[in-house]
């Protein structure tokens, strides 16, 4: 009788979550906060620098790439360090978040099978965890960009908040897609390890799309990351409002991916427990 009641409660919860996408997240906001803080504490437990260690890897990578492309390949881009840093930090956040989200469901199979919580909390936790570190990195980098590296201080820098919010939403959308795919196709993480380097070089981090051959420019412009990075650079590095086309493309990508990501996740969520 108890088992029957549990099955009925689970089915009722699944139906409720399916018909009310993401509504349960607000009700479980305390749990979400706890999971994010737990990730931060666990990853930095027992270390002397704590959270600062998460910044060391991108910092050293930034130094190596900057020396390589600025002083050896001598890429002629004005204010190159600020130009490069904005794109690279956004890439680090995006790549780490979606890679972690690809296995967040299967790695928490015990939670999925024994508790009745909105499972979208798991990919949201991954994104918020990496967003926390991204905000710290950007907050440290921006003063140096304005003071030393040629970024333009103006009220247009407020666009950075808009872009960061939109980019976090886009990253969550991709994470929902990959979290769902990772449940049914366990090779997702391995495929990402192959695909991410390709996407890295297809993203204008070290270069602008204008530097690419004309035949490749449509491919680079079709990369959704290009629009978000382009708007951020316009606001911070160039000190101007982004163009209407740039904002329109960024908004389109955000709406399409977030809508489809939520739909796919909610559509297949009831099957996660049996597949995980």
C-alpha atoms as a PDB file:
ATOM      1  CA  UNK A   1       0.000   0.000   0.000  1.00  0.00           C
ATOM      2  CA  UNK A   2       2.856   2.375   0.853  1.00  0.00           C
ATOM      3  CA  UNK A   3       4.638   1.553  -2.386  1.00  0.00           C
ATOM      4  CA  UNK A   4       1.434   2.257  -4.313  1.00  0.00           C
ATOM      5  CA  UNK A   5       1.074   5.645  -2.583  1.00  0.00           C
ATOM      6  CA  UNK A   6       4.685   6.519  -3.379  1.00  0.00           C
ATOM      7  CA  UNK A   7       4.173   5.659  -7.038  1.00  0.00           C
ATOM      8  CA  UNK A   8       1.032   7.757  -7.168  1.00  0.00           C
ATOM      9  CA  UNK A   9       2.796  10.695  -5.498  1.00  0.00           C
ATOM     10  CA  UNK A  10       5.689  10.407  -7.914  1.00  0.00           C
ATOM     11  CA  UNK A  11       3.346  10.293 -10.905  1.00  0.00           C
ATOM     12  CA  UNK A  12       1.393  13.272  -9.570  1.00  0.00           C
ATOM     13  CA  UNK A  13       4.601  15.245  -9.092  1.00  0.00           C
ATOM     14  CA  UNK A  14       5.806  14.390 -12.583  1.00  0.00           C
ATOM     15  CA  UNK A  15       2.496  15.473 -14.117  1.00  0.00           C
ATOM     16  CA  UNK A  16       2.497  18.701 -12.120  1.00  0.00           C
ATOM     17  CA  UNK A  17       6.033  19.563 -13.140  1.00  0.00           C
ATOM     18  CA  UNK A  18       5.317  18.709 -16.749  1.00  0.00           C
ATOM     19  CA  UNK A  19       2.338  21.038 -16.895  1.00  0.00           C
ATOM     20  CA  UNK A  20       4.047  23.811 -14.916  1.00  0.00           C
ATOM     21  CA  UNK A  21       7.564  24.138 -16.363  1.00  0.00           C
ATOM     22  CA  UNK A  22      10.108  25.558 -13.930  1.00  0.00           C
ATOM     23  CA  UNK A  23       7.341  26.678 -11.564  1.00  0.00           C
ATOM     24  CA  UNK A  24       8.639  24.363  -8.869  1.00  0.00           C
ATOM     25  CA  UNK A  25      12.087  25.968  -8.934  1.00  0.00           C
ATOM     26  CA  UNK A  26      10.874  29.007  -7.020  1.00  0.00           C
ATOM     27  CA  UNK A  27       9.275  26.803  -4.380  1.00  0.00           C
ATOM     28  CA  UNK A  28      12.580  24.967  -3.979  1.00  0.00           C
ATOM     29  CA  UNK A  29      14.762  28.097  -4.081  1.00  0.00           C
ATOM     30  CA  UNK A  30      16.202  27.318  -0.630  1.00  0.00           C
ATOM     31  CA  UNK A  31      17.308  23.894  -1.844  1.00  0.00           C
ATOM     32  CA  UNK A  32      18.772  25.475  -4.971  1.00  0.00           C
ATOM     33  CA  UNK A  33      20.736  27.941  -2.839  1.00  0.00           C
ATOM     34  CA  UNK A  34      21.969  25.107  -0.642  1.00  0.00           C
ATOM     35  CA  UNK A  35      23.119  23.016  -3.618  1.00  0.00           C
ATOM     36  CA  UNK A  36      25.051  25.923  -5.151  1.00  0.00           C
ATOM     37  CA  UNK A  37      26.726  26.792  -1.837  1.00  0.00           C
ATOM     38  CA  UNK A  38      27.520  23.118  -1.286  1.00  0.00           C
ATOM     39  CA  UNK A  39      29.255  22.933  -4.656  1.00  0.00           C
ATOM     40  CA  UNK A  40      31.300  26.028  -3.861  1.00  0.00           C
ATOM     41  CA  UNK A  41      32.348  24.723  -0.447  1.00  0.00           C
ATOM     42  CA  UNK A  42      33.067  21.159  -1.568  1.00  0.00           C
ATOM     43  CA  UNK A  43      35.238  22.233  -4.501  1.00  0.00           C
ATOM     44  CA  UNK A  44      37.329  24.568  -2.317  1.00  0.00           C
ATOM     45  CA  UNK A  45      37.416  22.466   0.874  1.00  0.00           C
ATOM     46  CA  UNK A  46      40.895  21.766   2.232  1.00  0.00           C
ATOM     47  CA  UNK A  47      42.658  24.256  -0.052  1.00  0.00           C
ATOM     48  CA  UNK A  48      44.542  27.382   0.961  1.00  0.00           C
ATOM     49  CA  UNK A  49      43.245  29.627  -1.806  1.00  0.00           C
ATOM     50  CA  UNK A  50      39.698  28.266  -1.845  1.00  0.00           C
ATOM     51  CA  UNK A  51      37.575  29.776  -4.615  1.00  0.00           C
ATOM     52  CA  UNK A  52      40.640  31.514  -6.052  1.00  0.00           C
ATOM     53  CA  UNK A  53      41.863  28.185  -7.434  1.00  0.00           C
ATOM     54  CA  UNK A  54      39.021  28.160  -9.950  1.00  0.00           C
ATOM     55  CA  UNK A  55      40.481  31.364 -11.404  1.00  0.00           C
ATOM     56  CA  UNK A  56      44.052  30.106 -11.662  1.00  0.00           C
ATOM     57  CA  UNK A  57      43.567  27.846 -14.663  1.00  0.00           C
ATOM     58  CA  UNK A  58      41.914  30.482 -16.890  1.00  0.00           C
ATOM     59  CA  UNK A  59      44.408  33.084 -15.620  1.00  0.00           C
ATOM     60  CA  UNK A  60      47.440  31.078 -16.696  1.00  0.00           C
ATOM     61  CA  UNK A  61      45.730  30.141 -19.952  1.00  0.00           C
ATOM     62  CA  UNK A  62      44.991  33.817 -20.618  1.00  0.00           C
ATOM     63  CA  UNK A  63      48.640  34.745 -20.093  1.00  0.00           C
ATOM     64  CA  UNK A  64      49.874  31.991 -22.433  1.00  0.00           C
ATOM     65  CA  UNK A  65      47.370  32.772 -25.198  1.00  0.00           C
ATOM     66  CA  UNK A  66      47.892  36.519 -24.892  1.00  0.00           C
ATOM     67  CA  UNK A  67      51.663  36.216 -25.281  1.00  0.00           C
ATOM     68  CA  UNK A  68      51.240  33.731 -28.124  1.00  0.00           C
ATOM     69  CA  UNK A  69      48.762  35.723 -30.211  1.00  0.00           C
ATOM     70  CA  UNK A  70      49.829  39.254 -29.332  1.00  0.00           C
ATOM     71  CA  UNK A  71      53.617  39.004 -29.321  1.00  0.00           C
ATOM     72  CA  UNK A  72      54.349  35.979 -31.525  1.00  0.00           C
ATOM     73  CA  UNK A  73      51.540  35.951 -34.094  1.00  0.00           C
ATOM     74  CA  UNK A  74      51.156  39.733 -33.608  1.00  0.00           C
ATOM     75  CA  UNK A  75      47.432  39.992 -34.173  1.00  0.00           C
ATOM     76  CA  UNK A  76      46.670  43.614 -34.929  1.00  0.00           C
ATOM     77  CA  UNK A  77      43.543  44.255 -32.891  1.00  0.00           C
ATOM     78  CA  UNK A  78      43.284  47.481 -30.869  1.00  0.00           C
ATOM     79  CA  UNK A  79      43.104  46.925 -27.118  1.00  0.00           C
ATOM     80  CA  UNK A  80      43.727  43.250 -27.731  1.00  0.00           C
ATOM     81  CA  UNK A  81      43.931  42.159 -24.088  1.00  0.00           C
ATOM     82  CA  UNK A  82      40.474  43.522 -23.219  1.00  0.00           C
ATOM     83  CA  UNK A  83      39.124  42.204 -26.547  1.00  0.00           C
ATOM     84  CA  UNK A  84      40.518  38.737 -25.891  1.00  0.00           C
ATOM     85  CA  UNK A  85      39.748  38.595 -22.170  1.00  0.00           C
ATOM     86  CA  UNK A  86      36.025  39.261 -22.531  1.00  0.00           C
ATOM     87  CA  UNK A  87      35.609  36.526 -25.106  1.00  0.00           C
ATOM     88  CA  UNK A  88      37.768  34.027 -23.266  1.00  0.00           C
ATOM     89  CA  UNK A  89      36.048  34.466 -19.889  1.00  0.00           C
ATOM     90  CA  UNK A  90      32.642  34.014 -21.507  1.00  0.00           C
ATOM     91  CA  UNK A  91      33.924  30.867 -23.200  1.00  0.00           C
ATOM     92  CA  UNK A  92      35.260  29.423 -19.932  1.00  0.00           C
ATOM     93  CA  UNK A  93      31.902  29.939 -18.224  1.00  0.00           C
ATOM     94  CA  UNK A  94      29.934  28.454 -21.120  1.00  0.00           C
ATOM     95  CA  UNK A  95      32.175  25.430 -21.706  1.00  0.00           C
ATOM     96  CA  UNK A  96      32.453  24.473 -18.035  1.00  0.00           C
ATOM     97  CA  UNK A  97      28.738  24.887 -17.393  1.00  0.00           C
ATOM     98  CA  UNK A  98      27.453  22.820 -20.310  1.00  0.00           C
ATOM     99  CA  UNK A  99      30.088  20.116 -19.794  1.00  0.00           C
ATOM    100  CA  UNK A 100      29.049  19.740 -16.164  1.00  0.00           C
ATOM    101  CA  UNK A 101      25.363  19.806 -17.044  1.00  0.00           C
ATOM    102  CA  UNK A 102      25.739  16.953 -19.536  1.00  0.00           C
ATOM    103  CA  UNK A 103      26.126  14.447 -16.690  1.00  0.00           C
ATOM    104  CA  UNK A 104      24.322  16.223 -13.841  1.00  0.00           C
ATOM    105  CA  UNK A 105      21.265  13.950 -14.071  1.00  0.00           C
ATOM    106  CA  UNK A 106      23.016  10.575 -14.306  1.00  0.00           C
ATOM    107  CA  UNK A 107      25.480  11.530 -11.570  1.00  0.00           C
ATOM    108  CA  UNK A 108      22.573  12.212  -9.183  1.00  0.00           C
ATOM    109  CA  UNK A 109      20.512   9.124  -9.927  1.00  0.00           C
ATOM    110  CA  UNK A 110      19.919   8.415  -6.220  1.00  0.00           C
ATOM    111  CA  UNK A 111      18.355  11.847  -5.749  1.00  0.00           C
ATOM    112  CA  UNK A 112      16.231  11.388  -8.850  1.00  0.00           C
ATOM    113  CA  UNK A 113      14.852   8.007  -7.792  1.00  0.00           C
ATOM    114  CA  UNK A 114      14.251   8.757  -4.117  1.00  0.00           C
ATOM    115  CA  UNK A 115      13.035  12.345  -3.984  1.00  0.00           C
ATOM    116  CA  UNK A 116      10.317  14.360  -5.641  1.00  0.00           C
ATOM    117  CA  UNK A 117      11.979  17.642  -6.544  1.00  0.00           C
ATOM    118  CA  UNK A 118      11.897  19.527  -9.848  1.00  0.00           C
ATOM    119  CA  UNK A 119      14.848  17.975 -11.645  1.00  0.00           C
ATOM    120  CA  UNK A 120      15.604  21.184 -13.526  1.00  0.00           C
ATOM    121  CA  UNK A 121      17.230  22.283 -10.272  1.00  0.00           C
ATOM    122  CA  UNK A 122      20.236  20.099 -11.125  1.00  0.00           C
ATOM    123  CA  UNK A 123      21.309  21.812 -14.391  1.00  0.00           C
ATOM    124  CA  UNK A 124      20.380  25.193 -12.895  1.00  0.00           C
ATOM    125  CA  UNK A 125      22.721  24.444  -9.980  1.00  0.00           C
ATOM    126  CA  UNK A 126      25.574  23.677 -12.371  1.00  0.00           C
ATOM    127  CA  UNK A 127      25.025  26.903 -14.317  1.00  0.00           C
ATOM    128  CA  UNK A 128      24.731  29.056 -11.191  1.00  0.00           C
ATOM    129  CA  UNK A 129      27.875  27.500  -9.711  1.00  0.00           C
ATOM    130  CA  UNK A 130      29.944  28.417 -12.758  1.00  0.00           C
ATOM    131  CA  UNK A 131      28.167  31.767 -13.092  1.00  0.00           C
ATOM    132  CA  UNK A 132      29.318  32.601  -9.563  1.00  0.00           C
ATOM    133  CA  UNK A 133      32.947  32.128 -10.588  1.00  0.00           C
ATOM    134  CA  UNK A 134      32.400  33.961 -13.860  1.00  0.00           C
ATOM    135  CA  UNK A 135      31.011  37.015 -12.075  1.00  0.00           C
ATOM    136  CA  UNK A 136      34.036  37.042  -9.758  1.00  0.00           C
ATOM    137  CA  UNK A 137      36.438  36.796 -12.713  1.00  0.00           C
ATOM    138  CA  UNK A 138      34.696  39.577 -14.659  1.00  0.00           C
ATOM    139  CA  UNK A 139      34.530  41.789 -11.559  1.00  0.00           C
ATOM    140  CA  UNK A 140      38.285  41.443 -11.144  1.00  0.00           C
ATOM    141  CA  UNK A 141      39.057  41.930 -14.835  1.00  0.00           C
ATOM    142  CA  UNK A 142      36.859  44.958 -15.601  1.00  0.00           C
ATOM    143  CA  UNK A 143      38.760  47.521 -13.473  1.00  0.00           C
ATOM    144  CA  UNK A 144      42.020  46.510 -15.172  1.00  0.00           C
ATOM    145  CA  UNK A 145      40.361  46.730 -18.579  1.00  0.00           C
ATOM    146  CA  UNK A 146      39.214  50.290 -17.936  1.00  0.00           C
ATOM    147  CA  UNK A 147      42.391  51.457 -16.201  1.00  0.00           C
ATOM    148  CA  UNK A 148      45.121  49.737 -18.209  1.00  0.00           C
ATOM    149  CA  UNK A 149      43.868  47.808 -21.213  1.00  0.00           C
ATOM    150  CA  UNK A 150      41.956  50.342 -23.276  1.00  0.00           C
ATOM    151  CA  UNK A 151      38.325  49.545 -22.479  1.00  0.00           C
ATOM    152  CA  UNK A 152      36.026  52.585 -22.729  1.00  0.00           C
ATOM    153  CA  UNK A 153      34.233  53.692 -19.582  1.00  0.00           C
ATOM    154  CA  UNK A 154      30.723  54.932 -20.420  1.00  0.00           C
ATOM    155  CA  UNK A 155      27.140  54.334 -19.424  1.00  0.00           C
ATOM    156  CA  UNK A 156      26.993  51.762 -22.238  1.00  0.00           C
ATOM    157  CA  UNK A 157      28.892  49.404 -19.931  1.00  0.00           C
ATOM    158  CA  UNK A 158      25.498  48.716 -18.316  1.00  0.00           C
ATOM    159  CA  UNK A 159      24.843  46.567 -21.364  1.00  0.00           C
ATOM    160  CA  UNK A 160      27.282  44.105 -19.795  1.00  0.00           C
ATOM    161  CA  UNK A 161      24.661  43.238 -17.169  1.00  0.00           C
ATOM    162  CA  UNK A 162      22.060  42.634 -19.887  1.00  0.00           C
ATOM    163  CA  UNK A 163      24.442  40.476 -21.907  1.00  0.00           C
ATOM    164  CA  UNK A 164      25.556  38.498 -18.866  1.00  0.00           C
ATOM    165  CA  UNK A 165      21.946  37.760 -17.934  1.00  0.00           C
ATOM    166  CA  UNK A 166      21.074  36.757 -21.488  1.00  0.00           C
ATOM    167  CA  UNK A 167      24.211  34.641 -21.803  1.00  0.00           C
ATOM    168  CA  UNK A 168      23.448  32.851 -18.554  1.00  0.00           C
ATOM    169  CA  UNK A 169      19.962  32.105 -19.921  1.00  0.00           C
ATOM    170  CA  UNK A 170      21.428  30.813 -23.177  1.00  0.00           C
ATOM    171  CA  UNK A 171      23.919  28.656 -21.277  1.00  0.00           C
ATOM    172  CA  UNK A 172      21.082  27.247 -19.168  1.00  0.00           C
ATOM    173  CA  UNK A 173      19.136  26.443 -22.329  1.00  0.00           C
ATOM    174  CA  UNK A 174      22.056  24.475 -23.795  1.00  0.00           C
ATOM    175  CA  UNK A 175      22.560  22.813 -20.406  1.00  0.00           C
ATOM    176  CA  UNK A 176      18.925  21.637 -20.360  1.00  0.00           C
ATOM    177  CA  UNK A 177      19.372  20.146 -23.817  1.00  0.00           C
ATOM    178  CA  UNK A 178      22.593  18.361 -22.859  1.00  0.00           C
ATOM    179  CA  UNK A 179      21.306  17.209 -19.466  1.00  0.00           C
ATOM    180  CA  UNK A 180      18.393  15.544 -21.247  1.00  0.00           C
ATOM    181  CA  UNK A 181      20.581  14.064 -23.964  1.00  0.00           C
ATOM    182  CA  UNK A 182      23.061  12.793 -21.383  1.00  0.00           C
ATOM    183  CA  UNK A 183      20.405  10.623 -19.725  1.00  0.00           C
ATOM    184  CA  UNK A 184      19.547   8.695 -22.892  1.00  0.00           C
ATOM    185  CA  UNK A 185      22.894   8.891 -24.689  1.00  0.00           C
ATOM    186  CA  UNK A 186      25.810   8.294 -22.333  1.00  0.00           C
ATOM    187  CA  UNK A 187      28.406   9.237 -24.951  1.00  0.00           C
ATOM    188  CA  UNK A 188      27.335  12.878 -24.717  1.00  0.00           C
ATOM    189  CA  UNK A 189      30.224  13.853 -22.422  1.00  0.00           C
ATOM    190  CA  UNK A 190      32.778  12.150 -24.691  1.00  0.00           C
ATOM    191  CA  UNK A 191      31.351  13.814 -27.779  1.00  0.00           C
ATOM    192  CA  UNK A 192      31.580  17.173 -26.030  1.00  0.00           C
ATOM    193  CA  UNK A 193      35.274  16.609 -25.352  1.00  0.00           C
ATOM    194  CA  UNK A 194      35.784  16.326 -29.107  1.00  0.00           C
ATOM    195  CA  UNK A 195      33.339  19.032 -30.149  1.00  0.00           C
ATOM    196  CA  UNK A 196      34.314  21.754 -27.670  1.00  0.00           C
ATOM    197  CA  UNK A 197      37.825  22.389 -29.117  1.00  0.00           C
ATOM    198  CA  UNK A 198      36.255  22.716 -32.562  1.00  0.00           C
ATOM    199  CA  UNK A 199      33.693  25.191 -31.243  1.00  0.00           C
ATOM    200  CA  UNK A 200      36.458  27.044 -29.401  1.00  0.00           C
ATOM    201  CA  UNK A 201      38.362  27.816 -32.580  1.00  0.00           C
ATOM    202  CA  UNK A 202      35.118  28.571 -34.431  1.00  0.00           C
ATOM    203  CA  UNK A 203      34.322  31.263 -31.864  1.00  0.00           C
ATOM    204  CA  UNK A 204      35.859  34.745 -32.367  1.00  0.00           C
ATOM    205  CA  UNK A 205      37.859  34.840 -29.149  1.00  0.00           C
ATOM    206  CA  UNK A 206      41.322  35.675 -30.494  1.00  0.00           C
ATOM    207  CA  UNK A 207      40.122  37.248 -33.696  1.00  0.00           C
ATOM    208  CA  UNK A 208      37.221  39.190 -35.156  1.00  0.00           C
ATOM    209  CA  UNK A 209      34.961  37.756 -37.837  1.00  0.00           C
ATOM    210  CA  UNK A 210      36.237  40.436 -40.230  1.00  0.00           C
ATOM    211  CA  UNK A 211      39.661  38.770 -40.160  1.00  0.00           C
ATOM    212  CA  UNK A 212      38.302  35.497 -41.528  1.00  0.00           C
ATOM    213  CA  UNK A 213      38.096  34.743 -45.263  1.00  0.00           C
ATOM    214  CA  UNK A 214      34.737  35.814 -46.776  1.00  0.00           C
ATOM    215  CA  UNK A 215      33.716  32.193 -47.321  1.00  0.00           C
ATOM    216  CA  UNK A 216      34.041  31.442 -43.594  1.00  0.00           C
ATOM    217  CA  UNK A 217      32.387  34.569 -42.214  1.00  0.00           C
ATOM    218  CA  UNK A 218      28.789  33.277 -42.486  1.00  0.00           C
ATOM    219  CA  UNK A 219      29.824  30.156 -40.542  1.00  0.00           C
ATOM    220  CA  UNK A 220      31.436  32.197 -37.771  1.00  0.00           C
ATOM    221  CA  UNK A 221      28.502  34.603 -37.635  1.00  0.00           C
ATOM    222  CA  UNK A 222      26.096  31.662 -37.351  1.00  0.00           C
ATOM    223  CA  UNK A 223      27.846  30.621 -34.145  1.00  0.00           C
ATOM    224  CA  UNK A 224      25.464  31.804 -31.383  1.00  0.00           C
ATOM    225  CA  UNK A 225      28.385  32.611 -29.088  1.00  0.00           C
ATOM    226  CA  UNK A 226      29.569  35.234 -31.596  1.00  0.00           C
ATOM    227  CA  UNK A 227      26.505  37.406 -31.030  1.00  0.00           C
ATOM    228  CA  UNK A 228      26.797  37.428 -27.231  1.00  0.00           C
ATOM    229  CA  UNK A 229      30.537  38.106 -27.299  1.00  0.00           C
ATOM    230  CA  UNK A 230      30.084  40.786 -29.956  1.00  0.00           C
ATOM    231  CA  UNK A 231      27.506  42.700 -27.915  1.00  0.00           C
ATOM    232  CA  UNK A 232      29.694  42.489 -24.805  1.00  0.00           C
ATOM    233  CA  UNK A 233      32.728  43.828 -26.674  1.00  0.00           C
ATOM    234  CA  UNK A 234      30.740  46.665 -28.206  1.00  0.00           C
ATOM    235  CA  UNK A 235      29.622  47.840 -24.768  1.00  0.00           C
ATOM    236  CA  UNK A 236      32.876  47.365 -22.845  1.00  0.00           C
ATOM    237  CA  UNK A 237      35.784  47.567 -25.295  1.00  0.00           C
ATOM    238  CA  UNK A 238      34.318  50.027 -27.806  1.00  0.00           C
ATOM    239  CA  UNK A 239      32.210  51.985 -25.338  1.00  0.00           C
ATOM    240  CA  UNK A 240      29.140  52.143 -27.557  1.00  0.00           C
ATOM    241  CA  UNK A 241      25.633  50.755 -27.670  1.00  0.00           C
ATOM    242  CA  UNK A 242      25.452  47.494 -29.619  1.00  0.00           C
ATOM    243  CA  UNK A 243      23.719  47.581 -32.973  1.00  0.00           C
ATOM    244  CA  UNK A 244      20.092  46.605 -33.355  1.00  0.00           C
ATOM    245  CA  UNK A 245      21.059  43.634 -35.520  1.00  0.00           C
ATOM    246  CA  UNK A 246      23.503  42.364 -32.883  1.00  0.00           C
ATOM    247  CA  UNK A 247      20.906  42.636 -30.126  1.00  0.00           C
ATOM    248  CA  UNK A 248      18.241  41.073 -32.332  1.00  0.00           C
ATOM    249  CA  UNK A 249      20.397  38.053 -33.170  1.00  0.00           C
ATOM    250  CA  UNK A 250      21.357  37.601 -29.517  1.00  0.00           C
ATOM    251  CA  UNK A 251      17.717  37.816 -28.416  1.00  0.00           C
ATOM    252  CA  UNK A 252      16.604  35.377 -31.099  1.00  0.00           C
ATOM    253  CA  UNK A 253      19.159  32.792 -30.016  1.00  0.00           C
ATOM    254  CA  UNK A 254      18.149  33.236 -26.383  1.00  0.00           C
ATOM    255  CA  UNK A 255      14.419  32.832 -27.019  1.00  0.00           C
ATOM    256  CA  UNK A 256      14.758  29.869 -29.383  1.00  0.00           C
ATOM    257  CA  UNK A 257      17.194  27.880 -27.280  1.00  0.00           C
ATOM    258  CA  UNK A 258      15.561  28.598 -23.922  1.00  0.00           C
ATOM    259  CA  UNK A 259      12.076  27.758 -25.175  1.00  0.00           C
ATOM    260  CA  UNK A 260      13.187  24.543 -26.836  1.00  0.00           C
ATOM    261  CA  UNK A 261      15.485  23.587 -23.944  1.00  0.00           C
ATOM    262  CA  UNK A 262      12.696  23.910 -21.374  1.00  0.00           C
ATOM    263  CA  UNK A 263      10.254  22.001 -23.599  1.00  0.00           C
ATOM    264  CA  UNK A 264      12.664  19.120 -24.241  1.00  0.00           C
ATOM    265  CA  UNK A 265      13.665  18.823 -20.585  1.00  0.00           C
ATOM    266  CA  UNK A 266      10.058  18.807 -19.359  1.00  0.00           C
ATOM    267  CA  UNK A 267       8.987  16.461 -22.134  1.00  0.00           C
ATOM    268  CA  UNK A 268      11.468  13.728 -21.155  1.00  0.00           C
ATOM    269  CA  UNK A 269      11.805  14.427 -17.434  1.00  0.00           C
ATOM    270  CA  UNK A 270       9.278  11.730 -16.378  1.00  0.00           C
ATOM    271  CA  UNK A 271      11.570   9.079 -17.943  1.00  0.00           C
ATOM    272  CA  UNK A 272      14.750  10.190 -16.183  1.00  0.00           C
ATOM    273  CA  UNK A 273      14.290   7.930 -13.151  1.00  0.00           C
ATOM    274  CA  UNK A 274      13.997   4.761 -15.219  1.00  0.00           C
ATOM    275  CA  UNK A 275      16.848   5.669 -17.574  1.00  0.00           C
ATOM    276  CA  UNK A 276      19.356   7.103 -15.059  1.00  0.00           C
END
